[in-house]
N, C-alpha and C. Protein backbone atom coordinates (compact mmCIF):
# COMPACT_ATOMS: atom_id res chain seq x y z
N MET A 1 -33.88 -0.87 -6.09
CA MET A 1 -32.72 -1.86 -5.68
C MET A 1 -32.45 -1.23 -3.95
N SER A 2 -32.41 -2.37 -3.29
CA SER A 2 -31.79 -1.95 -1.97
C SER A 2 -30.53 -1.74 -1.83
N SER A 3 -29.91 -1.22 -0.76
CA SER A 3 -28.48 -1.12 -0.52
C SER A 3 -27.48 -2.52 -0.77
N ARG A 4 -28.34 -3.44 -0.67
CA ARG A 4 -27.35 -4.86 -0.73
C ARG A 4 -27.83 -5.69 -1.96
N THR A 5 -29.25 -5.49 -2.48
CA THR A 5 -29.56 -6.28 -3.56
C THR A 5 -30.09 -5.59 -4.80
N ALA A 6 -29.83 -6.22 -6.08
CA ALA A 6 -30.32 -5.62 -7.46
C ALA A 6 -30.40 -7.12 -8.19
N ASN A 7 -31.10 -6.59 -9.60
CA ASN A 7 -31.19 -7.55 -10.19
C ASN A 7 -30.12 -7.45 -11.84
N CYS A 8 -29.60 -8.36 -12.21
CA CYS A 8 -28.85 -8.04 -13.19
C CYS A 8 -29.63 -7.77 -14.35
N PRO A 9 -29.21 -6.58 -14.84
CA PRO A 9 -30.12 -6.02 -16.29
C PRO A 9 -30.04 -6.95 -17.30
N ASN A 10 -29.06 -7.95 -17.42
CA ASN A 10 -28.89 -8.86 -18.45
C ASN A 10 -29.45 -10.05 -18.33
N CYS A 11 -29.41 -10.88 -17.47
CA CYS A 11 -30.07 -12.21 -17.12
C CYS A 11 -31.31 -12.09 -16.14
N GLY A 12 -31.13 -10.88 -15.08
CA GLY A 12 -32.24 -11.08 -14.27
C GLY A 12 -32.00 -11.49 -13.17
N ALA A 13 -30.76 -12.31 -12.76
CA ALA A 13 -30.25 -12.65 -11.57
C ALA A 13 -30.19 -12.04 -10.49
N GLN A 14 -30.27 -12.50 -9.05
CA GLN A 14 -30.34 -11.31 -8.10
C GLN A 14 -28.70 -11.26 -7.71
N ILE A 15 -28.40 -9.90 -7.73
CA ILE A 15 -26.88 -9.71 -7.29
C ILE A 15 -27.02 -9.15 -5.98
N ARG A 16 -26.39 -9.79 -4.92
CA ARG A 16 -26.07 -9.36 -3.69
C ARG A 16 -24.71 -8.84 -3.35
N PHE A 17 -24.85 -7.57 -2.81
CA PHE A 17 -23.57 -6.81 -2.49
C PHE A 17 -23.15 -7.43 -1.07
N LEU A 18 -21.87 -7.62 -0.96
CA LEU A 18 -21.15 -7.64 0.16
C LEU A 18 -20.73 -6.32 0.90
N TRP A 19 -20.66 -5.38 -0.05
CA TRP A 19 -20.25 -4.13 0.19
C TRP A 19 -21.44 -3.15 -0.26
N SER A 20 -21.95 -2.21 0.55
CA SER A 20 -23.13 -1.55 0.11
C SER A 20 -22.58 -0.15 -0.73
N SER A 21 -21.34 0.18 -0.73
CA SER A 21 -20.55 1.13 -1.39
C SER A 21 -20.06 0.81 -2.67
N ALA A 22 -20.08 -0.44 -3.04
CA ALA A 22 -19.53 -0.94 -4.42
C ALA A 22 -20.22 -0.18 -5.39
N VAL A 23 -19.24 0.30 -6.28
CA VAL A 23 -19.37 0.93 -7.64
C VAL A 23 -19.70 0.08 -8.74
N GLN A 24 -18.77 -0.90 -8.73
CA GLN A 24 -18.79 -1.84 -9.66
C GLN A 24 -18.95 -3.35 -9.34
N THR A 25 -19.72 -4.28 -9.88
CA THR A 25 -19.68 -5.50 -9.69
C THR A 25 -19.76 -6.41 -10.87
N THR A 26 -19.91 -8.09 -10.60
CA THR A 26 -20.12 -8.53 -11.71
C THR A 26 -21.16 -9.49 -11.31
N CYS A 27 -21.97 -10.23 -12.47
CA CYS A 27 -22.67 -11.30 -12.17
C CYS A 27 -22.24 -12.52 -12.44
N GLU A 28 -22.10 -13.50 -11.35
CA GLU A 28 -21.74 -14.82 -11.56
C GLU A 28 -22.39 -15.92 -12.38
N PHE A 29 -23.53 -15.45 -12.95
CA PHE A 29 -24.45 -16.04 -13.60
C PHE A 29 -24.10 -15.92 -15.25
N CYS A 30 -24.29 -14.44 -15.77
CA CYS A 30 -24.02 -14.33 -17.11
C CYS A 30 -22.83 -13.58 -17.37
N ARG A 31 -22.06 -13.26 -16.33
CA ARG A 31 -20.47 -12.83 -16.45
C ARG A 31 -20.44 -11.29 -16.96
N SER A 32 -21.71 -10.70 -16.65
CA SER A 32 -21.54 -9.42 -17.23
C SER A 32 -21.16 -8.49 -15.99
N ILE A 33 -20.41 -7.37 -16.57
CA ILE A 33 -19.89 -6.28 -15.86
C ILE A 33 -20.79 -5.18 -15.54
N LEU A 34 -21.05 -5.05 -14.25
CA LEU A 34 -22.36 -4.14 -14.08
C LEU A 34 -21.91 -3.14 -13.04
N VAL A 35 -22.20 -1.92 -13.59
CA VAL A 35 -21.98 -0.21 -13.06
C VAL A 35 -22.81 0.16 -12.28
N ARG A 36 -23.05 0.64 -11.00
CA ARG A 36 -23.91 1.05 -10.32
C ARG A 36 -24.18 2.45 -10.39
N HIS A 37 -25.55 2.99 -10.75
CA HIS A 37 -25.63 4.47 -10.93
C HIS A 37 -26.96 4.55 -10.19
N ASP A 38 -26.82 4.81 -8.93
CA ASP A 38 -27.92 5.25 -7.91
C ASP A 38 -28.62 4.07 -7.73
N LEU A 39 -29.93 4.14 -8.19
CA LEU A 39 -30.85 2.82 -7.81
C LEU A 39 -30.51 1.77 -9.41
N ASP A 40 -30.02 1.90 -10.14
CA ASP A 40 -29.83 1.15 -11.27
C ASP A 40 -28.52 0.49 -11.35
N LEU A 41 -28.53 -0.72 -12.43
CA LEU A 41 -27.15 -1.32 -12.67
C LEU A 41 -27.28 -1.19 -14.21
N GLU A 42 -25.87 -0.94 -14.71
CA GLU A 42 -25.71 -0.74 -16.07
C GLU A 42 -25.03 -1.89 -16.62
N ARG A 43 -24.94 -2.65 -17.63
CA ARG A 43 -24.15 -3.52 -18.20
C ARG A 43 -23.22 -2.84 -18.98
N VAL A 44 -21.83 -2.94 -18.66
CA VAL A 44 -20.91 -2.33 -19.48
C VAL A 44 -19.90 -3.05 -20.01
N GLY A 45 -20.10 -4.59 -20.12
CA GLY A 45 -19.06 -5.57 -20.74
C GLY A 45 -19.41 -6.67 -19.87
N GLU A 46 -18.35 -7.57 -20.57
CA GLU A 46 -18.28 -9.10 -19.99
C GLU A 46 -17.14 -9.65 -19.41
N VAL A 47 -17.05 -10.22 -18.31
CA VAL A 47 -15.92 -10.77 -17.65
C VAL A 47 -15.07 -11.59 -18.74
N ALA A 48 -13.88 -11.28 -18.93
CA ALA A 48 -13.13 -12.14 -19.95
C ALA A 48 -12.68 -13.66 -19.01
N ASP A 49 -12.30 -14.42 -20.10
CA ASP A 49 -11.71 -15.47 -19.17
C ASP A 49 -10.32 -15.41 -18.38
N LEU A 50 -10.32 -15.45 -17.24
CA LEU A 50 -9.18 -15.16 -16.42
C LEU A 50 -8.06 -16.10 -16.38
N PRO A 51 -7.00 -15.97 -16.13
CA PRO A 51 -5.71 -16.77 -16.10
C PRO A 51 -5.72 -17.75 -15.23
N PRO A 52 -5.26 -19.04 -15.23
CA PRO A 52 -5.22 -20.06 -14.29
C PRO A 52 -4.62 -19.57 -13.15
N ASP A 53 -5.39 -19.64 -11.94
CA ASP A 53 -5.05 -18.89 -10.66
C ASP A 53 -4.80 -20.04 -9.42
N SER A 54 -3.54 -19.81 -8.93
CA SER A 54 -3.43 -20.96 -7.83
C SER A 54 -3.34 -20.04 -6.55
N SER A 55 -3.94 -18.88 -6.46
CA SER A 55 -3.93 -18.15 -5.09
C SER A 55 -5.07 -19.00 -4.38
N PRO A 56 -5.09 -18.97 -2.81
CA PRO A 56 -5.99 -19.50 -1.81
C PRO A 56 -6.93 -18.59 -1.65
N ILE A 57 -6.65 -17.45 -1.82
CA ILE A 57 -7.76 -16.19 -1.46
C ILE A 57 -8.79 -16.34 -2.64
N GLN A 58 -9.97 -16.15 -2.21
CA GLN A 58 -11.19 -16.04 -3.03
C GLN A 58 -12.08 -14.77 -2.40
N ILE A 59 -13.34 -14.67 -3.47
CA ILE A 59 -14.11 -13.85 -2.96
C ILE A 59 -14.84 -14.26 -1.50
N ALA A 60 -15.01 -13.44 -0.39
CA ALA A 60 -15.60 -13.81 0.71
C ALA A 60 -14.65 -14.42 1.58
N THR A 61 -13.37 -14.65 1.37
CA THR A 61 -12.15 -15.03 2.32
C THR A 61 -12.10 -13.85 3.31
N GLU A 62 -12.09 -14.03 4.49
CA GLU A 62 -11.84 -13.21 5.38
C GLU A 62 -10.46 -13.24 6.20
N GLY A 63 -10.15 -11.94 6.59
CA GLY A 63 -8.56 -11.97 7.26
C GLY A 63 -8.77 -10.69 8.48
N VAL A 64 -7.50 -10.56 8.70
CA VAL A 64 -7.36 -9.30 9.89
C VAL A 64 -6.03 -8.51 9.46
N PHE A 65 -5.94 -7.47 9.20
CA PHE A 65 -4.61 -6.54 9.14
C PHE A 65 -4.71 -5.53 10.22
N ARG A 66 -3.70 -5.34 10.98
CA ARG A 66 -3.55 -4.70 12.04
C ARG A 66 -4.64 -4.72 13.07
N ASN A 67 -5.11 -5.71 13.62
CA ASN A 67 -6.28 -6.18 14.48
C ASN A 67 -7.65 -5.75 13.92
N LYS A 68 -7.76 -5.35 12.57
CA LYS A 68 -9.20 -4.98 11.89
C LYS A 68 -9.30 -6.31 11.11
N PRO A 69 -10.55 -6.80 11.14
CA PRO A 69 -11.04 -7.74 10.21
C PRO A 69 -11.45 -7.08 9.20
N PHE A 70 -11.23 -7.82 7.89
CA PHE A 70 -11.66 -7.64 6.61
C PHE A 70 -12.34 -8.80 5.82
N LEU A 71 -13.03 -8.45 4.77
CA LEU A 71 -13.61 -9.38 4.08
C LEU A 71 -13.23 -9.11 2.32
N VAL A 72 -12.90 -10.02 1.63
CA VAL A 72 -12.53 -10.03 0.41
C VAL A 72 -13.67 -9.94 -0.58
N VAL A 73 -13.82 -8.89 -1.27
CA VAL A 73 -15.17 -8.56 -2.14
C VAL A 73 -15.11 -8.46 -3.58
N GLY A 74 -13.69 -8.35 -3.97
CA GLY A 74 -13.64 -8.31 -5.35
C GLY A 74 -11.91 -8.38 -5.78
N ARG A 75 -11.74 -8.46 -7.05
CA ARG A 75 -10.23 -8.68 -7.55
C ARG A 75 -10.14 -7.95 -8.97
N ILE A 76 -8.87 -7.39 -9.24
CA ILE A 76 -8.43 -7.08 -10.59
C ILE A 76 -7.24 -8.20 -10.73
N VAL A 77 -7.31 -8.55 -11.95
CA VAL A 77 -6.07 -9.36 -12.43
C VAL A 77 -5.21 -8.89 -13.59
N TYR A 78 -4.29 -9.20 -13.21
CA TYR A 78 -2.75 -8.58 -14.12
C TYR A 78 -2.12 -9.94 -14.58
N ASP A 79 -1.72 -9.82 -15.71
CA ASP A 79 -0.34 -10.57 -16.17
C ASP A 79 0.80 -9.90 -16.47
N TYR A 80 1.94 -10.36 -16.44
CA TYR A 80 3.16 -9.85 -17.11
C TYR A 80 4.24 -10.69 -17.29
N GLU A 81 5.37 -10.57 -17.67
CA GLU A 81 6.46 -11.33 -18.14
C GLU A 81 6.78 -12.58 -17.25
N ALA A 82 6.58 -12.35 -16.02
CA ALA A 82 6.74 -13.45 -14.71
C ALA A 82 5.53 -14.06 -14.41
N GLY A 83 4.22 -13.95 -15.11
CA GLY A 83 3.35 -14.50 -14.54
C GLY A 83 2.31 -13.59 -14.48
N SER A 84 1.12 -14.10 -13.42
CA SER A 84 0.10 -13.02 -13.05
C SER A 84 -0.02 -12.79 -11.77
N TRP A 85 -0.74 -11.85 -11.33
CA TRP A 85 -1.03 -11.53 -10.03
C TRP A 85 -2.38 -10.79 -9.63
N ASN A 86 -2.82 -10.84 -8.55
CA ASN A 86 -3.94 -10.40 -8.15
C ASN A 86 -4.03 -9.17 -7.34
N GLU A 87 -4.69 -8.34 -7.54
CA GLU A 87 -5.21 -7.03 -6.51
C GLU A 87 -6.51 -7.33 -5.97
N TRP A 88 -6.53 -8.06 -4.56
CA TRP A 88 -7.95 -8.31 -4.20
C TRP A 88 -8.37 -6.97 -3.34
N HIS A 89 -9.58 -6.70 -3.55
CA HIS A 89 -10.33 -5.26 -2.96
C HIS A 89 -10.90 -6.03 -1.84
N VAL A 90 -10.57 -5.48 -0.51
CA VAL A 90 -11.07 -5.82 0.83
C VAL A 90 -11.67 -4.72 1.46
N VAL A 91 -12.53 -5.05 2.36
CA VAL A 91 -13.53 -3.89 3.05
C VAL A 91 -13.38 -4.39 4.73
N PHE A 92 -13.04 -3.29 5.50
CA PHE A 92 -12.82 -3.63 6.65
C PHE A 92 -14.23 -3.32 7.55
N ASN A 93 -14.38 -3.92 8.91
CA ASN A 93 -15.44 -3.68 9.40
C ASN A 93 -15.85 -2.40 9.93
N ASP A 94 -14.71 -1.36 9.73
CA ASP A 94 -15.28 0.04 9.89
C ASP A 94 -16.07 0.65 8.62
N GLY A 95 -16.12 -0.16 7.69
CA GLY A 95 -16.52 0.32 6.32
C GLY A 95 -15.52 0.88 5.15
N SER A 96 -14.21 1.06 5.82
CA SER A 96 -13.04 1.55 4.70
C SER A 96 -12.88 0.45 3.86
N SER A 97 -11.84 0.76 3.11
CA SER A 97 -11.64 -0.27 2.09
C SER A 97 -10.10 -0.31 1.73
N GLY A 98 -9.48 -1.30 1.31
CA GLY A 98 -8.15 -1.28 0.83
C GLY A 98 -7.91 -2.64 -0.15
N TRP A 99 -6.72 -2.96 -0.39
CA TRP A 99 -6.28 -4.01 -1.17
C TRP A 99 -4.88 -4.78 -0.79
N VAL A 100 -5.39 -6.23 -1.14
CA VAL A 100 -4.32 -7.06 -0.75
C VAL A 100 -3.61 -7.65 -1.99
N SER A 101 -2.62 -7.22 -2.38
CA SER A 101 -1.57 -7.54 -3.47
C SER A 101 -1.02 -9.21 -3.17
N ASP A 102 -1.38 -9.86 -4.33
CA ASP A 102 -1.22 -11.31 -4.28
C ASP A 102 -0.33 -11.87 -5.37
N ALA A 103 0.96 -11.76 -5.15
CA ALA A 103 2.06 -12.03 -6.36
C ALA A 103 3.02 -12.67 -6.42
N GLN A 104 3.12 -14.00 -6.61
CA GLN A 104 4.12 -14.81 -6.53
C GLN A 104 4.47 -15.14 -5.42
N LEU A 105 3.31 -15.43 -4.31
CA LEU A 105 3.52 -15.72 -2.84
C LEU A 105 4.08 -14.42 -2.05
N GLU A 106 4.07 -13.39 -2.74
CA GLU A 106 4.29 -12.06 -1.94
C GLU A 106 3.29 -11.35 -1.67
N TYR A 107 2.90 -10.84 -0.46
CA TYR A 107 1.67 -10.22 -0.03
C TYR A 107 1.98 -8.85 0.44
N ALA A 108 1.07 -8.03 0.10
CA ALA A 108 1.15 -6.42 0.63
C ALA A 108 -0.17 -6.26 0.76
N VAL A 109 -0.42 -5.02 1.68
CA VAL A 109 -1.68 -4.56 1.78
C VAL A 109 -1.66 -2.95 1.84
N SER A 110 -2.35 -2.45 1.10
CA SER A 110 -2.38 -0.98 0.61
C SER A 110 -3.42 -0.12 0.59
N PHE A 111 -3.46 1.16 0.92
CA PHE A 111 -4.64 1.92 0.72
C PHE A 111 -4.56 3.20 -0.10
N LEU A 112 -5.37 3.50 -0.92
CA LEU A 112 -5.55 4.67 -1.86
C LEU A 112 -5.01 5.94 -0.67
N THR A 113 -3.92 6.54 -1.40
CA THR A 113 -3.57 7.63 -0.22
C THR A 113 -3.15 8.97 -1.16
N PRO A 114 -3.76 10.09 -0.59
CA PRO A 114 -3.67 11.40 -1.51
C PRO A 114 -1.92 11.61 -1.31
N ALA A 115 -1.37 11.89 -2.46
CA ALA A 115 0.09 11.90 -2.72
C ALA A 115 0.39 13.18 -2.22
N PRO A 116 1.52 13.08 -1.12
CA PRO A 116 2.21 14.49 -0.34
C PRO A 116 2.78 15.19 -1.34
N THR A 117 3.15 15.04 -2.54
CA THR A 117 3.78 15.57 -3.66
C THR A 117 3.21 15.49 -4.76
N PRO A 118 3.28 16.04 -6.02
CA PRO A 118 2.85 15.72 -7.49
C PRO A 118 3.40 14.72 -7.67
N LEU A 119 2.64 13.68 -8.38
CA LEU A 119 3.47 12.38 -8.84
C LEU A 119 3.96 12.62 -10.06
N PRO A 120 5.14 11.99 -10.57
CA PRO A 120 5.74 12.38 -11.73
C PRO A 120 4.88 11.47 -13.00
N ALA A 121 5.20 11.89 -14.37
CA ALA A 121 4.73 10.99 -15.21
C ALA A 121 5.24 9.67 -15.25
N GLN A 122 4.68 8.78 -15.95
CA GLN A 122 5.61 7.46 -16.30
C GLN A 122 6.66 7.36 -16.52
N ASP A 123 6.96 8.25 -17.74
CA ASP A 123 8.34 8.09 -18.49
C ASP A 123 9.31 8.82 -17.53
N LYS A 124 9.05 9.31 -16.32
CA LYS A 124 9.95 10.10 -15.46
C LYS A 124 10.36 9.30 -14.29
N VAL A 125 9.71 8.29 -14.27
CA VAL A 125 10.04 7.34 -13.22
C VAL A 125 10.98 6.13 -13.74
N THR A 126 11.95 5.89 -12.92
CA THR A 126 12.67 4.76 -13.19
C THR A 126 13.19 3.85 -11.98
N ARG A 127 13.69 2.83 -12.07
CA ARG A 127 14.20 2.04 -10.75
C ARG A 127 15.23 2.98 -10.31
N ASP A 128 15.13 2.85 -8.73
CA ASP A 128 16.09 3.87 -7.93
C ASP A 128 15.60 5.16 -7.87
N THR A 129 14.37 5.48 -8.38
CA THR A 129 13.87 6.88 -8.37
C THR A 129 13.40 6.86 -6.88
N LYS A 130 13.68 8.30 -5.94
CA LYS A 130 13.52 8.24 -4.61
C LYS A 130 12.30 9.36 -4.46
N PHE A 131 11.28 9.20 -3.32
CA PHE A 131 10.32 10.13 -2.91
C PHE A 131 10.70 10.24 -1.59
N ASN A 132 10.64 11.39 -1.11
CA ASN A 132 10.84 11.84 0.54
C ASN A 132 9.50 12.29 0.98
N TRP A 133 8.39 11.53 1.48
CA TRP A 133 7.31 11.76 1.99
C TRP A 133 7.16 11.86 3.53
N SER A 134 7.03 12.85 3.91
CA SER A 134 6.66 13.18 5.35
C SER A 134 7.97 12.64 6.12
N GLY A 135 9.08 12.74 5.65
CA GLY A 135 10.19 12.16 6.43
C GLY A 135 10.76 10.73 6.32
N THR A 136 9.72 10.08 5.28
CA THR A 136 10.23 8.71 5.08
C THR A 136 10.48 8.67 3.49
N VAL A 137 11.79 7.81 3.06
CA VAL A 137 12.05 7.64 2.05
C VAL A 137 11.65 6.29 1.37
N TYR A 138 10.73 6.49 0.15
CA TYR A 138 10.36 5.43 -0.60
C TYR A 138 11.20 5.46 -1.82
N GLN A 139 11.74 4.30 -2.18
CA GLN A 139 12.74 4.04 -3.52
C GLN A 139 11.71 3.10 -4.34
N VAL A 140 11.81 3.61 -5.73
CA VAL A 140 11.39 2.62 -6.86
C VAL A 140 12.19 1.36 -7.02
N THR A 141 11.40 0.34 -6.73
CA THR A 141 12.42 -1.12 -6.90
C THR A 141 11.98 -1.68 -8.10
N SER A 142 10.83 -1.16 -8.82
CA SER A 142 10.58 -1.77 -10.32
C SER A 142 9.56 -1.08 -10.83
N VAL A 143 9.52 -1.11 -12.10
CA VAL A 143 8.67 -0.65 -12.89
C VAL A 143 8.00 -1.36 -14.00
N THR A 144 6.76 -2.00 -13.84
CA THR A 144 6.18 -2.91 -14.27
C THR A 144 5.05 -2.65 -15.43
N SER A 145 5.40 -3.16 -16.64
CA SER A 145 4.26 -3.02 -17.70
C SER A 145 3.47 -4.19 -17.57
N ALA A 146 1.94 -4.16 -17.17
CA ALA A 146 1.28 -5.01 -17.19
C ALA A 146 0.05 -5.20 -18.30
N ARG A 147 -0.49 -6.25 -18.30
CA ARG A 147 -1.75 -6.56 -19.13
C ARG A 147 -2.98 -6.76 -18.43
N TYR A 148 -3.97 -6.04 -18.13
CA TYR A 148 -5.25 -6.08 -17.46
C TYR A 148 -5.95 -7.40 -18.36
N ARG A 149 -6.23 -8.32 -17.33
CA ARG A 149 -6.89 -9.56 -17.73
C ARG A 149 -8.07 -9.67 -17.46
N GLY A 150 -8.80 -9.09 -16.33
CA GLY A 150 -10.18 -9.28 -15.97
C GLY A 150 -10.53 -8.77 -14.32
N VAL A 151 -11.64 -8.74 -13.98
CA VAL A 151 -12.28 -8.43 -13.02
C VAL A 151 -13.30 -9.61 -12.34
N GLU A 152 -13.31 -9.51 -11.10
CA GLU A 152 -14.44 -10.13 -10.26
C GLU A 152 -15.03 -9.55 -9.21
N GLY A 153 -16.20 -9.52 -8.72
CA GLY A 153 -16.89 -9.10 -7.42
C GLY A 153 -16.70 -7.60 -7.58
N GLU A 154 -16.82 -7.14 -6.33
CA GLU A 154 -16.90 -5.79 -6.10
C GLU A 154 -15.86 -4.90 -6.14
N LEU A 155 -15.97 -3.67 -6.50
CA LEU A 155 -14.86 -2.66 -6.94
C LEU A 155 -15.26 -1.34 -6.41
N PRO A 156 -14.27 -0.31 -5.92
CA PRO A 156 -14.76 0.80 -5.21
C PRO A 156 -14.85 2.01 -6.56
N PHE A 157 -14.49 1.52 -7.69
CA PHE A 157 -14.50 2.45 -8.96
C PHE A 157 -14.98 1.39 -10.24
N GLU A 158 -15.13 2.19 -11.38
CA GLU A 158 -15.23 1.55 -12.59
C GLU A 158 -14.00 1.25 -13.15
N TYR A 159 -13.79 -0.02 -13.48
CA TYR A 159 -12.67 -0.80 -14.05
C TYR A 159 -12.90 -1.86 -14.81
N TRP A 160 -12.84 -1.72 -16.12
CA TRP A 160 -13.17 -2.84 -16.90
C TRP A 160 -12.45 -2.66 -18.57
N ASP A 161 -12.38 -1.50 -18.71
CA ASP A 161 -11.77 -1.57 -20.31
C ASP A 161 -10.48 -0.99 -20.63
N LYS A 162 -9.50 -1.50 -19.52
CA LYS A 162 -7.98 -1.41 -19.79
C LYS A 162 -7.31 -2.16 -20.85
N GLU A 163 -6.02 -2.10 -21.21
CA GLU A 163 -5.12 -2.92 -21.61
C GLU A 163 -3.87 -2.91 -21.06
N LEU A 164 -2.81 -2.21 -21.46
CA LEU A 164 -1.62 -2.44 -21.18
C LEU A 164 -1.43 -1.30 -19.87
N VAL A 165 -1.05 -1.52 -18.76
CA VAL A 165 -1.13 -0.31 -17.69
C VAL A 165 0.34 -0.55 -17.39
N ALA A 166 0.67 0.39 -16.34
CA ALA A 166 2.39 0.41 -15.86
C ALA A 166 1.75 0.64 -14.31
N PHE A 167 2.97 -0.16 -13.53
CA PHE A 167 3.08 0.38 -11.98
C PHE A 167 4.38 0.46 -11.66
N ALA A 168 4.71 1.42 -10.81
CA ALA A 168 6.03 1.58 -10.04
C ALA A 168 5.81 1.17 -8.55
N ASP A 169 6.61 -0.05 -8.22
CA ASP A 169 6.48 -0.35 -6.85
C ASP A 169 7.51 0.14 -6.12
N LEU A 170 7.37 0.71 -4.83
CA LEU A 170 8.54 1.32 -4.03
C LEU A 170 8.53 0.45 -2.69
N ARG A 171 9.68 0.85 -1.97
CA ARG A 171 9.91 0.25 -0.80
C ARG A 171 10.61 1.22 0.18
N THR A 172 10.45 0.95 1.37
CA THR A 172 11.13 1.79 2.62
C THR A 172 12.17 0.97 2.97
N GLU A 173 13.20 1.46 3.83
CA GLU A 173 14.16 0.28 4.69
C GLU A 173 13.58 -0.21 5.79
N GLY A 174 12.53 0.28 6.15
CA GLY A 174 11.48 -0.39 7.32
C GLY A 174 10.49 -1.17 7.09
N GLY A 175 10.47 -1.81 5.68
CA GLY A 175 9.41 -2.55 5.23
C GLY A 175 8.18 -1.89 4.52
N ARG A 176 8.02 -0.53 4.48
CA ARG A 176 6.81 -0.14 4.19
C ARG A 176 6.64 -0.13 2.30
N PHE A 177 5.34 -0.11 1.88
CA PHE A 177 5.17 -0.45 0.38
C PHE A 177 4.45 0.37 -0.04
N GLY A 178 4.77 0.63 -1.31
CA GLY A 178 3.96 1.59 -2.20
C GLY A 178 3.64 1.22 -3.62
N THR A 179 3.10 1.71 -4.08
CA THR A 179 2.68 1.42 -5.84
C THR A 179 2.50 2.77 -6.31
N ILE A 180 2.91 3.22 -7.24
CA ILE A 180 2.26 4.10 -8.31
C ILE A 180 1.50 3.56 -9.24
N ASP A 181 0.09 3.92 -9.54
CA ASP A 181 -0.70 3.05 -10.40
C ASP A 181 -0.85 4.07 -11.68
N TYR A 182 -0.49 3.77 -12.82
CA TYR A 182 -0.64 4.52 -13.81
C TYR A 182 -1.85 3.85 -14.89
N SER A 183 -2.72 3.43 -14.18
CA SER A 183 -3.82 2.79 -15.04
C SER A 183 -4.84 3.67 -15.64
N ASP A 184 -4.76 5.02 -14.91
CA ASP A 184 -5.74 6.09 -15.25
C ASP A 184 -5.09 7.37 -15.87
N SER A 185 -5.74 8.29 -16.16
CA SER A 185 -5.15 9.22 -16.78
C SER A 185 -4.36 10.23 -15.78
N GLN A 186 -4.78 9.97 -14.46
CA GLN A 186 -3.85 10.68 -13.37
C GLN A 186 -3.42 9.52 -12.66
N PRO A 187 -2.06 9.59 -12.11
CA PRO A 187 -1.65 8.45 -11.36
C PRO A 187 -2.06 8.37 -10.04
N LEU A 188 -2.32 7.24 -9.31
CA LEU A 188 -2.79 7.02 -8.15
C LEU A 188 -1.61 6.40 -7.04
N LEU A 189 -1.67 6.91 -5.97
CA LEU A 189 -0.76 6.45 -4.92
C LEU A 189 -1.36 5.49 -4.03
N PHE A 190 -0.71 4.37 -3.73
CA PHE A 190 -1.22 3.36 -2.74
C PHE A 190 -0.15 3.08 -1.87
N LEU A 191 -0.03 3.33 -0.65
CA LEU A 191 0.84 3.19 0.56
C LEU A 191 0.28 1.88 1.44
N GLY A 192 1.30 1.32 1.91
CA GLY A 192 1.03 0.29 3.06
C GLY A 192 2.24 -0.42 2.97
N GLU A 193 2.09 -1.62 3.34
CA GLU A 193 3.23 -2.51 3.98
C GLU A 193 3.27 -3.93 3.33
N ALA A 194 4.51 -4.52 3.35
CA ALA A 194 4.54 -5.91 3.02
C ALA A 194 4.29 -6.81 4.06
N VAL A 195 3.45 -7.95 3.77
CA VAL A 195 3.23 -8.87 5.02
C VAL A 195 3.15 -10.18 4.39
N GLU A 196 3.52 -11.16 5.69
CA GLU A 196 3.37 -12.62 5.53
C GLU A 196 2.03 -13.20 5.53
N PHE A 197 1.96 -14.11 4.78
CA PHE A 197 0.82 -14.53 4.34
C PHE A 197 0.18 -15.09 5.74
N GLU A 198 0.76 -15.72 6.75
CA GLU A 198 0.12 -15.98 8.23
C GLU A 198 -0.04 -14.73 8.81
N ASP A 199 0.24 -13.65 8.48
CA ASP A 199 0.13 -12.61 9.32
C ASP A 199 -1.12 -12.26 9.15
N LEU A 200 -2.19 -12.47 8.28
CA LEU A 200 -3.23 -11.77 7.84
C LEU A 200 -4.48 -12.70 8.21
N ARG A 201 -3.90 -13.90 8.99
CA ARG A 201 -4.92 -14.88 9.55
C ARG A 201 -6.22 -15.01 8.58
N PHE A 202 -5.99 -15.53 7.70
CA PHE A 202 -7.06 -15.77 6.73
C PHE A 202 -8.00 -16.91 6.90
N ARG A 203 -9.32 -17.00 6.87
CA ARG A 203 -9.98 -18.04 6.77
C ARG A 203 -11.10 -18.08 5.71
N ASN A 204 -11.64 -19.08 5.40
CA ASN A 204 -12.50 -19.40 4.01
C ASN A 204 -11.78 -19.14 2.84
N LEU A 205 -10.55 -20.00 2.93
CA LEU A 205 -9.59 -19.77 1.87
C LEU A 205 -10.07 -21.05 0.67
N ARG A 206 -9.59 -20.97 -0.47
CA ARG A 206 -9.80 -22.16 -1.45
C ARG A 206 -9.10 -23.40 -1.04
N GLN A 207 -9.90 -24.44 -1.37
CA GLN A 207 -9.06 -25.60 -0.87
C GLN A 207 -8.70 -26.31 -2.27
N PHE A 208 -7.77 -26.97 -2.35
CA PHE A 208 -6.96 -27.35 -3.34
C PHE A 208 -6.62 -28.88 -2.98
N GLU A 209 -6.86 -29.85 -4.06
CA GLU A 209 -6.60 -31.31 -4.05
C GLU A 209 -5.59 -31.63 -3.23
N GLY A 210 -5.45 -32.43 -2.26
CA GLY A 210 -4.16 -32.67 -1.62
C GLY A 210 -3.97 -32.08 -0.42
N TRP A 211 -4.67 -31.00 0.18
CA TRP A 211 -4.53 -30.18 1.16
C TRP A 211 -5.12 -30.85 2.17
N SER A 212 -4.72 -30.66 3.58
CA SER A 212 -5.19 -31.27 4.53
C SER A 212 -6.13 -30.35 5.29
């Protein structure tokens, strides 16, 4: 396997990586979920049927955040009582990666961030819980229980055997955005900012019937 191509161990189709550091990807031909181990790909599951999606973003969509171009290479899909949302994995032109959250026409860009202080357990976090990190106050605005629905494309970690997961969303008065992700044994912190769709200067979006 080269740094950019491999063959699916299930169907033999060529897998072309958009991001050479991907840990997990999916085969678009047989729907296998594939985890990368050095020079080999291991089949660990199969992509579930994803819920209907009205997002214009897709794999290989391009955009810009803070004057840095990025490419959409993967996504994780969740649903909850109000509908579903996408966490799009994006790779920047300097090799770093982050996430674009796409939920009910609300968008945010965030990055995995070392927690400045130990993160509390899920049952210790409620709406209005506050954190003061480096002089910035983040307040929990919602705690959401969501159902993992599936994956697509390339991810920076293994993520395929989840069921119910929880997230605590945070905001600051200045428009900063954060999420505490309780989908793993140790909570993860993602920090960033809420953005408008137009701010990301997308290209190569999905086209829907009736769009001009």
